[in-house]
N, C-alpha and C. Protein backbone atom coordinates (compact mmCIF):
# COMPACT_ATOMS: atom_id res chain seq x y z
N MET A 1 -8.58 8.03 -104.61
CA MET A 1 -7.74 8.56 -103.55
C MET A 1 -7.55 7.47 -102.50
N ALA A 2 -6.37 7.33 -102.01
CA ALA A 2 -6.06 6.31 -101.00
C ALA A 2 -6.70 6.67 -99.66
N GLN A 3 -6.91 5.65 -98.87
CA GLN A 3 -7.51 5.84 -97.55
C GLN A 3 -6.70 6.84 -96.72
N SER A 4 -5.38 6.80 -96.84
CA SER A 4 -4.54 7.72 -96.07
C SER A 4 -4.85 9.17 -96.41
N HIS A 5 -5.05 9.46 -97.69
CA HIS A 5 -5.38 10.82 -98.09
C HIS A 5 -6.76 11.22 -97.58
N GLU A 6 -7.68 10.30 -97.61
CA GLU A 6 -9.02 10.58 -97.09
C GLU A 6 -8.97 10.91 -95.60
N ASP A 7 -8.12 10.21 -94.87
CA ASP A 7 -7.98 10.47 -93.44
C ASP A 7 -7.45 11.86 -93.16
N VAL A 8 -6.46 12.29 -93.93
CA VAL A 8 -5.87 13.62 -93.75
C VAL A 8 -6.88 14.70 -94.11
N VAL A 9 -7.58 14.53 -95.22
CA VAL A 9 -8.60 15.49 -95.63
C VAL A 9 -9.70 15.57 -94.58
N SER A 10 -10.11 14.44 -94.06
CA SER A 10 -11.15 14.40 -93.03
C SER A 10 -10.69 15.13 -91.76
N LEU A 11 -9.43 14.95 -91.39
CA LEU A 11 -8.88 15.65 -90.22
C LEU A 11 -8.94 17.16 -90.42
N VAL A 12 -8.47 17.63 -91.56
CA VAL A 12 -8.47 19.07 -91.85
C VAL A 12 -9.90 19.60 -91.87
N GLU A 13 -10.81 18.86 -92.49
CA GLU A 13 -12.20 19.29 -92.56
C GLU A 13 -12.82 19.40 -91.16
N THR A 14 -12.56 18.44 -90.31
CA THR A 14 -13.09 18.46 -88.95
C THR A 14 -12.59 19.68 -88.18
N ILE A 15 -11.31 19.98 -88.32
CA ILE A 15 -10.74 21.13 -87.62
C ILE A 15 -11.35 22.43 -88.13
N VAL A 16 -11.43 22.58 -89.45
CA VAL A 16 -11.95 23.82 -90.03
C VAL A 16 -13.42 24.02 -89.66
N LEU A 17 -14.21 22.95 -89.74
CA LEU A 17 -15.63 23.07 -89.40
C LEU A 17 -15.84 23.47 -87.94
N SER A 18 -14.92 23.07 -87.07
CA SER A 18 -15.06 23.45 -85.67
C SER A 18 -14.70 24.91 -85.43
N LEU A 19 -14.00 25.53 -86.37
CA LEU A 19 -13.57 26.92 -86.21
C LEU A 19 -14.57 27.94 -86.73
N VAL A 20 -15.33 27.58 -87.76
CA VAL A 20 -16.21 28.55 -88.43
C VAL A 20 -17.65 28.45 -87.94
N ASP A 21 -18.39 29.54 -88.15
CA ASP A 21 -19.81 29.58 -87.78
C ASP A 21 -20.69 29.03 -88.89
N ASP A 22 -20.31 29.31 -90.14
CA ASP A 22 -21.11 28.91 -91.29
C ASP A 22 -20.48 27.69 -91.97
N ALA A 23 -20.83 26.51 -91.47
CA ALA A 23 -20.24 25.27 -91.98
C ALA A 23 -20.63 25.01 -93.44
N ASP A 24 -21.76 25.56 -93.86
CA ASP A 24 -22.22 25.35 -95.25
C ASP A 24 -21.33 26.08 -96.25
N ALA A 25 -20.62 27.09 -95.81
CA ALA A 25 -19.76 27.86 -96.70
C ALA A 25 -18.36 27.28 -96.82
N VAL A 26 -18.10 26.16 -96.15
CA VAL A 26 -16.78 25.54 -96.17
C VAL A 26 -16.73 24.48 -97.26
N SER A 27 -15.68 24.53 -98.06
CA SER A 27 -15.45 23.44 -99.01
C SER A 27 -13.96 23.15 -99.06
N LEU A 28 -13.64 21.89 -99.22
CA LEU A 28 -12.25 21.47 -99.34
C LEU A 28 -12.07 20.80 -100.69
N ASP A 29 -11.06 21.24 -101.41
CA ASP A 29 -10.69 20.62 -102.68
C ASP A 29 -9.34 19.96 -102.47
N ASP A 30 -9.27 18.67 -102.76
CA ASP A 30 -8.00 17.98 -102.58
C ASP A 30 -7.61 17.30 -103.88
N TYR A 31 -6.32 17.28 -104.13
CA TYR A 31 -5.79 16.62 -105.32
C TYR A 31 -4.37 16.16 -105.02
N VAL A 32 -3.97 15.14 -105.73
CA VAL A 32 -2.64 14.56 -105.52
C VAL A 32 -1.77 14.90 -106.72
N GLU A 33 -0.59 15.39 -106.42
CA GLU A 33 0.41 15.66 -107.44
C GLU A 33 1.67 14.87 -107.09
N SER A 34 2.68 15.02 -107.89
CA SER A 34 3.90 14.25 -107.67
C SER A 34 4.56 14.56 -106.32
N ASP A 35 4.35 15.77 -105.82
CA ASP A 35 4.97 16.14 -104.54
C ASP A 35 4.07 15.86 -103.34
N GLY A 36 2.90 15.28 -103.55
CA GLY A 36 2.04 14.91 -102.43
C GLY A 36 0.63 15.44 -102.56
N LEU A 37 -0.08 15.39 -101.45
CA LEU A 37 -1.48 15.80 -101.38
C LEU A 37 -1.57 17.31 -101.18
N HIS A 38 -2.49 17.94 -101.89
CA HIS A 38 -2.76 19.37 -101.74
C HIS A 38 -4.21 19.53 -101.30
N ILE A 39 -4.43 20.35 -100.29
CA ILE A 39 -5.78 20.62 -99.80
C ILE A 39 -6.00 22.13 -99.84
N ASP A 40 -7.01 22.56 -100.58
CA ASP A 40 -7.39 23.97 -100.65
C ASP A 40 -8.67 24.15 -99.85
N ILE A 41 -8.63 25.01 -98.85
CA ILE A 41 -9.78 25.28 -98.00
C ILE A 41 -10.43 26.57 -98.48
N THR A 42 -11.73 26.51 -98.75
CA THR A 42 -12.47 27.71 -99.12
C THR A 42 -13.52 27.97 -98.06
N VAL A 43 -13.50 29.18 -97.50
CA VAL A 43 -14.49 29.61 -96.51
C VAL A 43 -15.01 30.98 -96.92
N SER A 44 -16.08 31.43 -96.28
CA SER A 44 -16.60 32.76 -96.60
C SER A 44 -15.57 33.81 -96.17
N GLU A 45 -15.59 34.94 -96.84
CA GLU A 45 -14.61 35.99 -96.58
C GLU A 45 -14.63 36.45 -95.12
N ASP A 46 -15.81 36.40 -94.51
CA ASP A 46 -15.94 36.84 -93.12
C ASP A 46 -15.21 35.92 -92.16
N GLU A 47 -14.97 34.68 -92.57
CA GLU A 47 -14.41 33.71 -91.63
C GLU A 47 -12.99 33.26 -91.98
N VAL A 48 -12.39 33.89 -92.96
CA VAL A 48 -11.02 33.56 -93.32
C VAL A 48 -10.09 33.80 -92.13
N GLY A 49 -10.33 34.87 -91.41
CA GLY A 49 -9.51 35.21 -90.26
C GLY A 49 -9.54 34.15 -89.17
N LYS A 50 -10.67 33.49 -89.02
CA LYS A 50 -10.78 32.43 -88.00
C LYS A 50 -9.92 31.23 -88.37
N VAL A 51 -9.81 30.96 -89.65
CA VAL A 51 -9.02 29.81 -90.09
C VAL A 51 -7.53 30.15 -90.11
N ILE A 52 -7.20 31.39 -90.42
CA ILE A 52 -5.80 31.80 -90.45
C ILE A 52 -5.28 32.10 -89.04
N GLY A 53 -6.07 32.82 -88.26
CA GLY A 53 -5.66 33.14 -86.89
C GLY A 53 -4.71 34.32 -86.85
N ARG A 54 -4.44 34.77 -85.64
CA ARG A 54 -3.51 35.89 -85.45
C ARG A 54 -2.11 35.45 -85.83
N GLN A 55 -1.48 36.25 -86.68
CA GLN A 55 -0.14 35.98 -87.19
C GLN A 55 -0.03 34.59 -87.81
N GLY A 56 -1.16 34.04 -88.29
CA GLY A 56 -1.15 32.76 -88.98
C GLY A 56 -1.00 31.55 -88.09
N ARG A 57 -1.22 31.72 -86.80
CA ARG A 57 -0.99 30.61 -85.87
C ARG A 57 -1.95 29.44 -86.07
N VAL A 58 -3.21 29.72 -86.38
CA VAL A 58 -4.19 28.65 -86.54
C VAL A 58 -3.88 27.82 -87.79
N ILE A 59 -3.63 28.47 -88.91
CA ILE A 59 -3.33 27.72 -90.13
C ILE A 59 -2.01 26.98 -90.00
N LYS A 60 -1.06 27.54 -89.28
CA LYS A 60 0.20 26.83 -89.05
C LYS A 60 -0.04 25.56 -88.25
N ALA A 61 -0.92 25.63 -87.26
CA ALA A 61 -1.25 24.45 -86.46
C ALA A 61 -1.99 23.41 -87.30
N ILE A 62 -2.90 23.86 -88.15
CA ILE A 62 -3.62 22.94 -89.04
C ILE A 62 -2.63 22.24 -89.97
N ARG A 63 -1.71 23.01 -90.53
CA ARG A 63 -0.70 22.42 -91.43
C ARG A 63 0.17 21.42 -90.69
N LEU A 64 0.55 21.76 -89.46
CA LEU A 64 1.38 20.86 -88.66
C LEU A 64 0.67 19.53 -88.40
N MET A 65 -0.61 19.59 -88.02
CA MET A 65 -1.36 18.36 -87.76
C MET A 65 -1.56 17.56 -89.04
N ALA A 66 -1.84 18.24 -90.14
CA ALA A 66 -2.03 17.54 -91.42
C ALA A 66 -0.73 16.85 -91.85
N ARG A 67 0.39 17.54 -91.70
CA ARG A 67 1.68 16.95 -92.08
C ARG A 67 2.02 15.76 -91.18
N ALA A 68 1.71 15.88 -89.90
CA ALA A 68 1.96 14.77 -88.99
C ALA A 68 1.12 13.56 -89.36
N ALA A 69 -0.15 13.79 -89.70
CA ALA A 69 -1.03 12.69 -90.10
C ALA A 69 -0.56 12.08 -91.41
N ALA A 70 -0.15 12.90 -92.37
CA ALA A 70 0.30 12.41 -93.67
C ALA A 70 1.62 11.65 -93.55
N SER A 71 2.48 12.09 -92.65
CA SER A 71 3.78 11.42 -92.50
C SER A 71 3.61 10.00 -91.98
N GLN A 72 2.52 9.73 -91.32
CA GLN A 72 2.21 8.38 -90.86
C GLN A 72 2.13 7.42 -92.04
N TYR A 73 1.71 7.94 -93.18
CA TYR A 73 1.55 7.14 -94.38
C TYR A 73 2.69 7.35 -95.37
N GLY A 74 3.70 8.09 -94.96
CA GLY A 74 4.83 8.35 -95.84
C GLY A 74 4.50 9.31 -96.96
N SER A 75 3.61 10.25 -96.70
CA SER A 75 3.15 11.19 -97.72
C SER A 75 3.40 12.63 -97.26
N ASN A 76 3.39 13.55 -98.21
CA ASN A 76 3.49 14.98 -97.91
C ASN A 76 2.14 15.62 -98.15
N VAL A 77 1.88 16.76 -97.47
CA VAL A 77 0.63 17.47 -97.67
C VAL A 77 0.88 18.97 -97.58
N GLU A 78 0.17 19.71 -98.40
CA GLU A 78 0.19 21.18 -98.37
C GLU A 78 -1.24 21.65 -98.19
N VAL A 79 -1.44 22.59 -97.27
CA VAL A 79 -2.77 23.11 -96.97
C VAL A 79 -2.77 24.61 -97.25
N GLU A 80 -3.73 25.07 -98.05
CA GLU A 80 -3.86 26.49 -98.38
C GLU A 80 -5.27 26.97 -98.11
N VAL A 81 -5.39 28.23 -97.70
CA VAL A 81 -6.71 28.83 -97.46
C VAL A 81 -7.03 29.76 -98.63
N MET A 82 -8.19 29.55 -99.23
CA MET A 82 -8.66 30.40 -100.31
C MET A 82 -9.80 31.26 -99.74
N GLY A 83 -9.75 32.56 -100.00
CA GLY A 83 -10.75 33.46 -99.46
C GLY A 83 -12.07 33.38 -100.12
């Protein structure tokens, strides 16, 4: 994985870890496809709401920051939350 992808994954991980109480239950799976980087966030069921936020505002903000960071390197990124 390129350094740029590692930076974006690290950014998303830092944000998610700051939102949840149980950091041990957080895992990020990242993979690169032809359309760009994909990051799947897995958290405990009790804390999915903290990552998604009211009306999806928190996950939208995470996606916005990840896309901004990835665009610096000319890449695309998709972020999904898995329960």
